[in-house]
All heavy atoms as atom14 arrays in JSON, in Angstrom:
{
  "sequence": "IVGGGGREHALAWQCAAAARVSEVLVAPGN",
  "atom14_mask": [
    [1, 1, 1, 1, 1, 1, 1, 1, 0, 0, 0, 0, 0, 0],
    [1, 1, 1, 1, 1, 1, 1, 0, 0, 0, 0, 0, 0, 0],
    [1, 1, 1, 1, 0, 0, 0, 0, 0, 0, 0, 0, 0, 0],
    [1, 1, 1, 1, 0, 0, 0, 0, 0, 0, 0, 0, 0, 0],
    [1, 1, 1, 1, 0, 0, 0, 0, 0, 0, 0, 0, 0, 0],
    [1, 1, 1, 1, 0, 0, 0, 0, 0, 0, 0, 0, 0, 0],
    [1, 1, 1, 1, 1, 1, 1, 1, 1, 1, 1, 0, 0, 0],
    [1, 1, 1, 1, 1, 1, 1, 1, 1, 0, 0, 0, 0, 0],
    [1, 1, 1, 1, 1, 1, 1, 1, 1, 1, 0, 0, 0, 0],
    [1, 1, 1, 1, 1, 0, 0, 0, 0, 0, 0, 0, 0, 0],
    [1, 1, 1, 1, 1, 1, 1, 1, 0, 0, 0, 0, 0, 0],
    [1, 1, 1, 1, 1, 0, 0, 0, 0, 0, 0, 0, 0, 0],
    [1, 1, 1, 1, 1, 1, 1, 1, 1, 1, 1, 1, 1, 1],
    [1, 1, 1, 1, 1, 1, 1, 1, 1, 0, 0, 0, 0, 0],
    [1, 1, 1, 1, 1, 1, 0, 0, 0, 0, 0, 0, 0, 0],
    [1, 1, 1, 1, 1, 0, 0, 0, 0, 0, 0, 0, 0, 0],
    [1, 1, 1, 1, 1, 0, 0, 0, 0, 0, 0, 0, 0, 0],
    [1, 1, 1, 1, 1, 0, 0, 0, 0, 0, 0, 0, 0, 0],
    [1, 1, 1, 1, 1, 0, 0, 0, 0, 0, 0, 0, 0, 0],
    [1, 1, 1, 1, 1, 1, 1, 1, 1, 1, 1, 0, 0, 0],
    [1, 1, 1, 1, 1, 1, 1, 0, 0, 0, 0, 0, 0, 0],
    [1, 1, 1, 1, 1, 1, 0, 0, 0, 0, 0, 0, 0, 0],
    [1, 1, 1, 1, 1, 1, 1, 1, 1, 0, 0, 0, 0, 0],
    [1, 1, 1, 1, 1, 1, 1, 0, 0, 0, 0, 0, 0, 0],
    [1, 1, 1, 1, 1, 1, 1, 1, 0, 0, 0, 0, 0, 0],
    [1, 1, 1, 1, 1, 1, 1, 0, 0, 0, 0, 0, 0, 0],
    [1, 1, 1, 1, 1, 0, 0, 0, 0, 0, 0, 0, 0, 0],
    [1, 1, 1, 1, 1, 1, 1, 0, 0, 0, 0, 0, 0, 0],
    [1, 1, 1, 1, 0, 0, 0, 0, 0, 0, 0, 0, 0, 0],
    [1, 1, 1, 1, 1, 1, 1, 1, 0, 0, 0, 0, 0, 0]
  ],
  "atom14_positions": [
    [[0.04, -1.57, -5.22], [-0.41, -2.75, -4.49], [-1.75, -3.16, -5.07], [-2.68, -2.34, -5.15], [-0.57, -2.47, -2.98], [0.72, -1.89, -2.38], [-1.01, -3.73, -2.25], [1.9, -2.83, -2.39], [0.0, 0.0, 0.0], [0.0, 0.0, 0.0], [0.0, 0.0, 0.0], [0.0, 0.0, 0.0], [0.0, 0.0, 0.0], [0.0, 0.0, 0.0]],
    [[-1.88, -4.4, -5.47], [-3.13, -4.89, -6.06], [-3.94, -5.63, -5.01], [-3.46, -6.59, -4.39], [-2.84, -5.81, -7.26], [-4.14, -6.44, -7.77], [-2.16, -5.02, -8.38], [0.0, 0.0, 0.0], [0.0, 0.0, 0.0], [0.0, 0.0, 0.0], [0.0, 0.0, 0.0], [0.0, 0.0, 0.0], [0.0, 0.0, 0.0], [0.0, 0.0, 0.0]],
    [[-5.17, -5.17, -4.78], [-6.07, -5.79, -3.84], [-6.77, -4.77, -2.96], [-6.43, -3.58, -3.0], [0.0, 0.0, 0.0], [0.0, 0.0, 0.0], [0.0, 0.0, 0.0], [0.0, 0.0, 0.0], [0.0, 0.0, 0.0], [0.0, 0.0, 0.0], [0.0, 0.0, 0.0], [0.0, 0.0, 0.0], [0.0, 0.0, 0.0], [0.0, 0.0, 0.0]],
    [[-7.73, -5.21, -2.18], [-8.49, -4.28, -1.37], [-8.76, -4.73, 0.04], [-9.67, -4.22, 0.7], [0.0, 0.0, 0.0], [0.0, 0.0, 0.0], [0.0, 0.0, 0.0], [0.0, 0.0, 0.0], [0.0, 0.0, 0.0], [0.0, 0.0, 0.0], [0.0, 0.0, 0.0], [0.0, 0.0, 0.0], [0.0, 0.0, 0.0], [0.0, 0.0, 0.0]],
    [[-7.98, -5.69, 0.55], [-8.23, -6.23, 1.88], [-7.25, -5.75, 2.93], [-6.47, -4.82, 2.71], [0.0, 0.0, 0.0], [0.0, 0.0, 0.0], [0.0, 0.0, 0.0], [0.0, 0.0, 0.0], [0.0, 0.0, 0.0], [0.0, 0.0, 0.0], [0.0, 0.0, 0.0], [0.0, 0.0, 0.0], [0.0, 0.0, 0.0], [0.0, 0.0, 0.0]],
    [[-7.29, -6.43, 4.08], [-6.39, -6.08, 5.17], [-4.93, -6.34, 4.84], [-4.05, -5.59, 5.25], [0.0, 0.0, 0.0], [0.0, 0.0, 0.0], [0.0, 0.0, 0.0], [0.0, 0.0, 0.0], [0.0, 0.0, 0.0], [0.0, 0.0, 0.0], [0.0, 0.0, 0.0], [0.0, 0.0, 0.0], [0.0, 0.0, 0.0], [0.0, 0.0, 0.0]],
    [[-4.67, -7.39, 4.11], [-3.31, -7.7, 3.67], [-2.76, -6.55, 2.84], [-1.62, -6.11, 3.01], [-3.33, -8.99, 2.86], [-2.07, -9.27, 2.05], [-2.25, -10.51, 1.2], [-3.47, -10.46, 0.43], [-4.3, -11.5, 0.27], [-4.01, -12.67, 0.79], [-5.41, -11.36, -0.43], [0.0, 0.0, 0.0], [0.0, 0.0, 0.0], [0.0, 0.0, 0.0]],
    [[-3.59, -6.02, 1.92], [-3.14, -4.95, 1.04], [-2.96, -3.63, 1.78], [-2.06, -2.86, 1.46], [-4.12, -4.8, -0.12], [-4.05, -5.95, -1.11], [-4.74, -7.22, -0.62], [-5.77, -7.11, 0.08], [-4.24, -8.32, -0.93], [0.0, 0.0, 0.0], [0.0, 0.0, 0.0], [0.0, 0.0, 0.0], [0.0, 0.0, 0.0], [0.0, 0.0, 0.0]],
    [[-3.8, -3.37, 2.79], [-3.6, -2.18, 3.61], [-2.25, -2.29, 4.32], [-1.47, -1.32, 4.37], [-4.73, -2.02, 4.63], [-4.67, -0.75, 5.41], [-5.55, -0.45, 6.44], [-3.82, 0.31, 5.35], [-5.25, 0.75, 6.95], [-4.2, 1.21, 6.32], [0.0, 0.0, 0.0], [0.0, 0.0, 0.0], [0.0, 0.0, 0.0], [0.0, 0.0, 0.0]],
    [[-1.94, -3.47, 4.86], [-0.66, -3.66, 5.54], [0.51, -3.51, 4.58], [1.54, -2.9, 4.91], [-0.62, -5.02, 6.23], [0.0, 0.0, 0.0], [0.0, 0.0, 0.0], [0.0, 0.0, 0.0], [0.0, 0.0, 0.0], [0.0, 0.0, 0.0], [0.0, 0.0, 0.0], [0.0, 0.0, 0.0], [0.0, 0.0, 0.0], [0.0, 0.0, 0.0]],
    [[0.38, -4.05, 3.38], [1.44, -3.9, 2.38], [1.66, -2.44, 2.02], [2.8, -1.96, 1.94], [1.08, -4.69, 1.12], [1.3, -6.21, 1.16], [0.57, -6.89, 0.02], [2.78, -6.54, 1.12], [0.0, 0.0, 0.0], [0.0, 0.0, 0.0], [0.0, 0.0, 0.0], [0.0, 0.0, 0.0], [0.0, 0.0, 0.0], [0.0, 0.0, 0.0]],
    [[0.57, -1.71, 1.79], [0.69, -0.3, 1.44], [1.3, 0.51, 2.58], [2.18, 1.36, 2.35], [-0.69, 0.26, 1.08], [0.0, 0.0, 0.0], [0.0, 0.0, 0.0], [0.0, 0.0, 0.0], [0.0, 0.0, 0.0], [0.0, 0.0, 0.0], [0.0, 0.0, 0.0], [0.0, 0.0, 0.0], [0.0, 0.0, 0.0], [0.0, 0.0, 0.0]],
    [[0.86, 0.25, 3.79], [1.38, 0.95, 4.98], [2.88, 0.68, 5.14], [3.66, 1.6, 5.4], [0.59, 0.48, 6.2], [1.17, 0.86, 7.52], [1.06, 2.06, 8.16], [1.92, 0.0, 8.39], [1.71, 2.01, 9.37], [2.25, 0.77, 9.54], [2.36, -1.32, 8.33], [2.99, 0.24, 10.6], [3.09, -1.85, 9.37], [3.4, -1.07, 10.49]],
    [[3.29, -0.57, 4.96], [4.7, -0.92, 5.13], [5.55, -0.28, 4.05], [6.61, 0.29, 4.33], [4.85, -2.44, 5.11], [5.97, -3.0, 5.99], [7.36, -2.79, 5.41], [7.53, -2.6, 4.21], [8.37, -2.83, 6.26], [0.0, 0.0, 0.0], [0.0, 0.0, 0.0], [0.0, 0.0, 0.0], [0.0, 0.0, 0.0], [0.0, 0.0, 0.0]],
    [[5.1, -0.34, 2.8], [5.88, 0.25, 1.7], [5.95, 1.77, 1.81], [7.0, 2.37, 1.55], [5.28, -0.15, 0.35], [5.51, -1.9, -0.08], [0.0, 0.0, 0.0], [0.0, 0.0, 0.0], [0.0, 0.0, 0.0], [0.0, 0.0, 0.0], [0.0, 0.0, 0.0], [0.0, 0.0, 0.0], [0.0, 0.0, 0.0], [0.0, 0.0, 0.0]],
    [[4.85, 2.41, 2.21], [4.82, 3.87, 2.31], [5.75, 4.38, 3.4], [6.17, 5.55, 3.36], [3.4, 4.35, 2.57], [0.0, 0.0, 0.0], [0.0, 0.0, 0.0], [0.0, 0.0, 0.0], [0.0, 0.0, 0.0], [0.0, 0.0, 0.0], [0.0, 0.0, 0.0], [0.0, 0.0, 0.0], [0.0, 0.0, 0.0], [0.0, 0.0, 0.0]],
    [[6.1, 3.54, 4.36], [6.98, 3.96, 5.45], [8.42, 4.17, 4.98], [9.22, 4.82, 5.68], [6.94, 2.94, 6.58], [0.0, 0.0, 0.0], [0.0, 0.0, 0.0], [0.0, 0.0, 0.0], [0.0, 0.0, 0.0], [0.0, 0.0, 0.0], [0.0, 0.0, 0.0], [0.0, 0.0, 0.0], [0.0, 0.0, 0.0], [0.0, 0.0, 0.0]],
    [[8.78, 3.63, 3.82], [10.15, 3.75, 3.33], [10.39, 5.15, 2.77], [9.58, 5.67, 1.99], [10.41, 2.7, 2.24], [0.0, 0.0, 0.0], [0.0, 0.0, 0.0], [0.0, 0.0, 0.0], [0.0, 0.0, 0.0], [0.0, 0.0, 0.0], [0.0, 0.0, 0.0], [0.0, 0.0, 0.0], [0.0, 0.0, 0.0], [0.0, 0.0, 0.0]],
    [[11.51, 5.75, 3.13], [11.82, 7.12, 2.7], [11.93, 7.22, 1.19], [11.57, 8.24, 0.59], [13.11, 7.59, 3.35], [0.0, 0.0, 0.0], [0.0, 0.0, 0.0], [0.0, 0.0, 0.0], [0.0, 0.0, 0.0], [0.0, 0.0, 0.0], [0.0, 0.0, 0.0], [0.0, 0.0, 0.0], [0.0, 0.0, 0.0], [0.0, 0.0, 0.0]],
    [[12.4, 6.17, 0.52], [12.6, 6.24, -0.93], [11.31, 6.1, -1.73], [11.3, 6.29, -2.93], [13.6, 5.17, -1.37], [13.05, 3.76, -1.33], [14.11, 2.78, -1.78], [13.55, 1.45, -2.02], [13.89, 0.67, -3.03], [14.79, 1.07, -3.9], [13.35, -0.52, -3.17], [0.0, 0.0, 0.0], [0.0, 0.0, 0.0], [0.0, 0.0, 0.0]],
    [[10.22, 5.74, -1.05], [8.94, 5.57, -1.72], [8.18, 6.89, -1.69], [7.89, 7.42, -0.62], [8.11, 4.45, -1.06], [6.71, 4.39, -1.67], [8.82, 3.11, -1.21], [0.0, 0.0, 0.0], [0.0, 0.0, 0.0], [0.0, 0.0, 0.0], [0.0, 0.0, 0.0], [0.0, 0.0, 0.0], [0.0, 0.0, 0.0], [0.0, 0.0, 0.0]],
    [[7.87, 7.42, -2.88], [7.16, 8.7, -2.95], [5.66, 8.54, -2.84], [4.97, 9.38, -2.26], [7.5, 9.41, -4.27], [7.13, 8.58, -5.38], [0.0, 0.0, 0.0], [0.0, 0.0, 0.0], [0.0, 0.0, 0.0], [0.0, 0.0, 0.0], [0.0, 0.0, 0.0], [0.0, 0.0, 0.0], [0.0, 0.0, 0.0], [0.0, 0.0, 0.0]],
    [[5.13, 7.44, -3.4], [3.68, 7.23, -3.37], [3.38, 5.76, -3.57], [4.09, 5.04, -4.28], [2.99, 8.06, -4.46], [1.47, 8.02, -4.37], [0.8, 8.9, -5.42], [1.36, 9.06, -6.52], [-0.31, 9.41, -5.14], [0.0, 0.0, 0.0], [0.0, 0.0, 0.0], [0.0, 0.0, 0.0], [0.0, 0.0, 0.0], [0.0, 0.0, 0.0]],
    [[2.29, 5.31, -2.93], [1.8, 3.94, -3.1], [0.37, 4.02, -3.6], [-0.48, 4.67, -2.98], [1.85, 3.14, -1.78], [1.3, 1.74, -1.99], [3.28, 3.07, -1.23], [0.0, 0.0, 0.0], [0.0, 0.0, 0.0], [0.0, 0.0, 0.0], [0.0, 0.0, 0.0], [0.0, 0.0, 0.0], [0.0, 0.0, 0.0], [0.0, 0.0, 0.0]],
    [[0.1, 3.39, -4.74], [-1.27, 3.26, -5.23], [-1.81, 1.89, -4.82], [-1.05, 0.91, -4.8], [-1.31, 3.4, -6.76], [-1.41, 4.82, -7.32], [-0.15, 5.61, -7.03], [-1.69, 4.78, -8.82], [0.0, 0.0, 0.0], [0.0, 0.0, 0.0], [0.0, 0.0, 0.0], [0.0, 0.0, 0.0], [0.0, 0.0, 0.0], [0.0, 0.0, 0.0]],
    [[-3.08, 1.83, -4.5], [-3.72, 0.57, -4.15], [-4.97, 0.41, -5.03], [-5.81, 1.3, -5.09], [-4.12, 0.52, -2.66], [-4.59, -0.89, -2.29], [-2.96, 0.92, -1.76], [0.0, 0.0, 0.0], [0.0, 0.0, 0.0], [0.0, 0.0, 0.0], [0.0, 0.0, 0.0], [0.0, 0.0, 0.0], [0.0, 0.0, 0.0], [0.0, 0.0, 0.0]],
    [[-5.05, -0.73, -5.72], [-6.18, -0.97, -6.62], [-6.91, -2.25, -6.2], [-6.33, -3.33, -6.3], [-5.66, -1.1, -8.06], [0.0, 0.0, 0.0], [0.0, 0.0, 0.0], [0.0, 0.0, 0.0], [0.0, 0.0, 0.0], [0.0, 0.0, 0.0], [0.0, 0.0, 0.0], [0.0, 0.0, 0.0], [0.0, 0.0, 0.0], [0.0, 0.0, 0.0]],
    [[-8.16, -2.15, -5.69], [-8.94, -0.91, -5.55], [-8.79, -0.22, -4.2], [-9.23, 0.9, -4.04], [-10.37, -1.41, -5.74], [-10.36, -2.78, -5.13], [-9.0, -3.35, -5.47], [0.0, 0.0, 0.0], [0.0, 0.0, 0.0], [0.0, 0.0, 0.0], [0.0, 0.0, 0.0], [0.0, 0.0, 0.0], [0.0, 0.0, 0.0], [0.0, 0.0, 0.0]],
    [[-8.2, -0.91, -3.21], [-8.04, -0.32, -1.89], [-9.33, -0.33, -1.09], [-10.33, -0.96, -1.46], [0.0, 0.0, 0.0], [0.0, 0.0, 0.0], [0.0, 0.0, 0.0], [0.0, 0.0, 0.0], [0.0, 0.0, 0.0], [0.0, 0.0, 0.0], [0.0, 0.0, 0.0], [0.0, 0.0, 0.0], [0.0, 0.0, 0.0], [0.0, 0.0, 0.0]],
    [[-9.32, 0.38, 0.05], [-10.48, 0.44, 0.94], [-10.43, 1.77, 1.7], [-9.61, 2.64, 1.38], [-10.49, -0.77, 1.89], [-9.18, -0.93, 2.66], [-8.62, 0.04, 3.17], [-8.69, -2.17, 2.76], [0.0, 0.0, 0.0], [0.0, 0.0, 0.0], [0.0, 0.0, 0.0], [0.0, 0.0, 0.0], [0.0, 0.0, 0.0], [0.0, 0.0, 0.0]]
  ]
}
């Protein structure tokens, strides 16, 4: 996930909830 705001936190949280997703990187994140 590219970005470091609230939108990107929500994107990372939603993607990480999927069983098939092993890891989510966020650049730069918060």
